[in-house]
Amino acid sequence: MQAKYKIALALAAGFALGAGAIHGLHAAASPPAYVINEIAVKDEDGYKKDFLPGAQKAIDDNGGKYIAGGFNKTFSITGQPPADRVVILQFENMDKVKAWRDAARDAQEKIGSKYATFRTFAVEGVAQY
């Protein structure tokens, strides 16, 4: 009877290890994606009150994380100076970015455009050395 339990335990442990390895391989196949927002805010109060809460909810709902940014927290090293608000977001992968974009597009175009102009793009992460 004890041997049966040992075999069942060994099978369960092997299954768990295999599932963990597959999950790890899948995660490694999809690098993180980063979204860079350059935002020229025309009406800061309206932007903060009417647009920002909904935008932040859409980011959270789609698994995005704020990495860096804010109002007037950048400086130019070369080229044109950045907008007065720059935000960098991280998502699990590019598919999550696309889901967030689809969910937030109407709000950005209808509400956000009243208070700011946006330049937003995404870039796929690379393996770290």
C-alpha atoms as a PDB file:
ATOM      1  CA  MET A   1       0.000   0.000   0.000  1.00  0.00           C
ATOM      2  CA  GLN A   2       2.798   2.416   0.819  1.00  0.00           C
ATOM      3  CA  ALA A   3       4.409   1.785  -2.574  1.00  0.00           C
ATOM      4  CA  LYS A   4       1.231   2.937  -4.320  1.00  0.00           C
ATOM      5  CA  TYR A   5       1.323   6.242  -2.445  1.00  0.00           C
ATOM      6  CA  LYS A   6       5.002   6.717  -3.250  1.00  0.00           C
ATOM      7  CA  ILE A   7       4.347   6.117  -6.946  1.00  0.00           C
ATOM      8  CA  ALA A   8       1.358   8.488  -6.933  1.00  0.00           C
ATOM      9  CA  LEU A   9       3.416  11.147  -5.147  1.00  0.00           C
ATOM     10  CA  ALA A  10       6.287  10.739  -7.622  1.00  0.00           C
ATOM     11  CA  LEU A  11       3.875  11.054 -10.558  1.00  0.00           C
ATOM     12  CA  ALA A  12       2.279  14.170  -9.083  1.00  0.00           C
ATOM     13  CA  ALA A  13       5.700  15.746  -8.454  1.00  0.00           C
ATOM     14  CA  GLY A  14       6.813  14.940 -12.005  1.00  0.00           C
ATOM     15  CA  PHE A  15       3.643  16.446 -13.415  1.00  0.00           C
ATOM     16  CA  ALA A  16       4.144  19.633 -11.381  1.00  0.00           C
ATOM     17  CA  LEU A  17       7.762  19.969 -12.510  1.00  0.00           C
ATOM     18  CA  GLY A  18       6.792  19.409 -16.140  1.00  0.00           C
ATOM     19  CA  ALA A  19       4.004  21.976 -15.962  1.00  0.00           C
ATOM     20  CA  GLY A  20       6.375  24.495 -14.386  1.00  0.00           C
ATOM     21  CA  ALA A  21       8.979  23.916 -17.097  1.00  0.00           C
ATOM     22  CA  ILE A  22       6.421  24.390 -19.864  1.00  0.00           C
ATOM     23  CA  HIS A  23       5.188  27.610 -18.256  1.00  0.00           C
ATOM     24  CA  GLY A  24       8.775  28.869 -18.010  1.00  0.00           C
ATOM     25  CA  LEU A  25       9.485  28.066 -21.645  1.00  0.00           C
ATOM     26  CA  HIS A  26       6.302  29.781 -22.776  1.00  0.00           C
ATOM     27  CA  ALA A  27       7.154  32.878 -20.760  1.00  0.00           C
ATOM     28  CA  ALA A  28      10.653  32.937 -22.261  1.00  0.00           C
ATOM     29  CA  ALA A  29       9.198  32.776 -25.775  1.00  0.00           C
ATOM     30  CA  SER A  30       7.249  36.025 -25.281  1.00  0.00           C
ATOM     31  CA  PRO A  31       9.484  38.916 -24.225  1.00  0.00           C
ATOM     32  CA  PRO A  32       7.977  41.818 -22.315  1.00  0.00           C
ATOM     33  CA  ALA A  33       6.778  44.833 -24.272  1.00  0.00           C
ATOM     34  CA  TYR A  34       7.177  48.482 -23.367  1.00  0.00           C
ATOM     35  CA  VAL A  35       4.939  51.394 -24.294  1.00  0.00           C
ATOM     36  CA  ILE A  36       6.389  54.882 -24.463  1.00  0.00           C
ATOM     37  CA  ASN A  37       3.941  57.786 -24.264  1.00  0.00           C
ATOM     38  CA  GLU A  38       4.944  61.336 -25.071  1.00  0.00           C
ATOM     39  CA  ILE A  39       2.069  63.543 -24.048  1.00  0.00           C
ATOM     40  CA  ALA A  40       1.824  67.286 -24.655  1.00  0.00           C
ATOM     41  CA  VAL A  41      -0.751  68.288 -22.061  1.00  0.00           C
ATOM     42  CA  LYS A  42      -2.841  71.364 -22.921  1.00  0.00           C
ATOM     43  CA  ASP A  43      -5.127  71.346 -19.843  1.00  0.00           C
ATOM     44  CA  GLU A  44      -3.504  69.646 -16.859  1.00  0.00           C
ATOM     45  CA  ASP A  45      -6.531  69.863 -14.546  1.00  0.00           C
ATOM     46  CA  GLY A  46      -8.914  68.380 -17.123  1.00  0.00           C
ATOM     47  CA  TYR A  47      -6.336  65.752 -18.055  1.00  0.00           C
ATOM     48  CA  LYS A  48      -5.930  64.652 -14.427  1.00  0.00           C
ATOM     49  CA  LYS A  49      -9.651  64.694 -13.604  1.00  0.00           C
ATOM     50  CA  ASP A  50     -11.383  63.507 -16.780  1.00  0.00           C
ATOM     51  CA  PHE A  51      -8.824  61.380 -18.610  1.00  0.00           C
ATOM     52  CA  LEU A  52      -6.185  59.979 -16.268  1.00  0.00           C
ATOM     53  CA  PRO A  53      -8.392  57.819 -13.967  1.00  0.00           C
ATOM     54  CA  GLY A  54      -9.895  55.918 -16.909  1.00  0.00           C
ATOM     55  CA  ALA A  55      -6.526  55.600 -18.635  1.00  0.00           C
ATOM     56  CA  GLN A  56      -4.919  54.187 -15.483  1.00  0.00           C
ATOM     57  CA  LYS A  57      -7.769  51.701 -15.053  1.00  0.00           C
ATOM     58  CA  ALA A  58      -7.353  50.476 -18.636  1.00  0.00           C
ATOM     59  CA  ILE A  59      -3.627  49.995 -18.028  1.00  0.00           C
ATOM     60  CA  ASP A  60      -4.267  48.047 -14.816  1.00  0.00           C
ATOM     61  CA  ASP A  61      -7.060  45.978 -16.366  1.00  0.00           C
ATOM     62  CA  ASN A  62      -4.712  44.836 -19.120  1.00  0.00           C
ATOM     63  CA  GLY A  63      -1.755  43.971 -16.891  1.00  0.00           C
ATOM     64  CA  GLY A  64       0.319  47.091 -17.528  1.00  0.00           C
ATOM     65  CA  LYS A  65       2.760  48.502 -14.987  1.00  0.00           C
ATOM     66  CA  TYR A  66       4.168  52.003 -14.744  1.00  0.00           C
ATOM     67  CA  ILE A  67       7.951  51.840 -15.076  1.00  0.00           C
ATOM     68  CA  ALA A  68       8.834  55.537 -15.266  1.00  0.00           C
ATOM     69  CA  GLY A  69       7.439  58.938 -16.007  1.00  0.00           C
ATOM     70  CA  GLY A  70       5.350  61.831 -14.923  1.00  0.00           C
ATOM     71  CA  PHE A  71       5.025  65.550 -15.585  1.00  0.00           C
ATOM     72  CA  ASN A  72       8.245  67.397 -16.401  1.00  0.00           C
ATOM     73  CA  LYS A  73      10.511  64.525 -15.329  1.00  0.00           C
ATOM     74  CA  THR A  74      12.617  64.269 -18.485  1.00  0.00           C
ATOM     75  CA  PHE A  75      15.364  66.197 -20.205  1.00  0.00           C
ATOM     76  CA  SER A  76      16.744  66.069 -23.698  1.00  0.00           C
ATOM     77  CA  ILE A  77      20.106  64.438 -24.314  1.00  0.00           C
ATOM     78  CA  THR A  78      20.059  64.805 -28.107  1.00  0.00           C
ATOM     79  CA  GLY A  79      17.416  65.895 -30.578  1.00  0.00           C
ATOM     80  CA  GLN A  80      14.122  67.597 -29.888  1.00  0.00           C
ATOM     81  CA  PRO A  81      13.074  67.982 -26.255  1.00  0.00           C
ATOM     82  CA  PRO A  82      10.424  65.522 -25.059  1.00  0.00           C
ATOM     83  CA  ALA A  83       6.843  66.486 -24.299  1.00  0.00           C
ATOM     84  CA  ASP A  84       5.987  67.749 -20.809  1.00  0.00           C
ATOM     85  CA  ARG A  85       4.668  64.316 -19.804  1.00  0.00           C
ATOM     86  CA  VAL A  86       6.446  61.072 -20.664  1.00  0.00           C
ATOM     87  CA  VAL A  87       5.334  57.693 -19.345  1.00  0.00           C
ATOM     88  CA  ILE A  88       6.870  54.251 -19.848  1.00  0.00           C
ATOM     89  CA  LEU A  89       4.663  51.202 -19.300  1.00  0.00           C
ATOM     90  CA  GLN A  90       5.565  47.520 -19.207  1.00  0.00           C
ATOM     91  CA  PHE A  91       3.266  44.723 -20.367  1.00  0.00           C
ATOM     92  CA  GLU A  92       3.757  40.958 -20.304  1.00  0.00           C
ATOM     93  CA  ASN A  93       4.065  40.803 -24.106  1.00  0.00           C
ATOM     94  CA  MET A  94       3.029  42.587 -27.296  1.00  0.00           C
ATOM     95  CA  ASP A  95      -0.363  40.842 -27.351  1.00  0.00           C
ATOM     96  CA  LYS A  96      -1.184  42.478 -24.003  1.00  0.00           C
ATOM     97  CA  VAL A  97      -0.171  45.845 -25.450  1.00  0.00           C
ATOM     98  CA  LYS A  98      -2.535  45.343 -28.367  1.00  0.00           C
ATOM     99  CA  ALA A  99      -5.374  44.366 -26.010  1.00  0.00           C
ATOM    100  CA  TRP A 100      -4.745  47.500 -23.929  1.00  0.00           C
ATOM    101  CA  ARG A 101      -4.615  49.669 -27.065  1.00  0.00           C
ATOM    102  CA  ASP A 102      -7.916  48.273 -28.302  1.00  0.00           C
ATOM    103  CA  ALA A 103      -9.553  48.816 -24.900  1.00  0.00           C
ATOM    104  CA  ALA A 104      -8.221  52.365 -24.460  1.00  0.00           C
ATOM    105  CA  ARG A 105      -8.430  53.691 -28.021  1.00  0.00           C
ATOM    106  CA  ASP A 106     -11.892  55.294 -27.757  1.00  0.00           C
ATOM    107  CA  ALA A 107     -11.146  57.004 -24.447  1.00  0.00           C
ATOM    108  CA  GLN A 108      -7.858  58.402 -25.727  1.00  0.00           C
ATOM    109  CA  GLU A 109      -9.388  59.669 -28.947  1.00  0.00           C
ATOM    110  CA  LYS A 110     -12.602  61.073 -27.440  1.00  0.00           C
ATOM    111  CA  ILE A 111     -11.562  62.234 -23.968  1.00  0.00           C
ATOM    112  CA  GLY A 112      -7.779  62.485 -23.997  1.00  0.00           C
ATOM    113  CA  SER A 113      -7.597  64.514 -27.193  1.00  0.00           C
ATOM    114  CA  LYS A 114      -9.529  67.322 -25.467  1.00  0.00           C
ATOM    115  CA  TYR A 115      -6.679  67.802 -23.005  1.00  0.00           C
ATOM    116  CA  ALA A 116      -3.509  66.605 -24.739  1.00  0.00           C
ATOM    117  CA  THR A 117      -1.822  65.352 -27.867  1.00  0.00           C
ATOM    118  CA  PHE A 118      -0.232  61.918 -27.775  1.00  0.00           C
ATOM    119  CA  ARG A 119       2.680  60.168 -29.414  1.00  0.00           C
ATOM    120  CA  THR A 120       2.569  56.551 -28.289  1.00  0.00           C
ATOM    121  CA  PHE A 121       4.553  53.567 -29.490  1.00  0.00           C
ATOM    122  CA  ALA A 122       5.458  50.089 -28.305  1.00  0.00           C
ATOM    123  CA  VAL A 123       8.747  48.216 -28.434  1.00  0.00           C
ATOM    124  CA  GLU A 124       9.456  44.591 -27.673  1.00  0.00           C
ATOM    125  CA  GLY A 125      11.928  43.851 -24.897  1.00  0.00           C
ATOM    126  CA  VAL A 126      15.202  42.013 -25.469  1.00  0.00           C
ATOM    127  CA  ALA A 127      16.938  39.255 -23.536  1.00  0.00           C
ATOM    128  CA  GLN A 128      19.175  40.586 -20.793  1.00  0.00           C
ATOM    129  CA  TYR A 129      22.853  39.647 -20.830  1.00  0.00           C
END
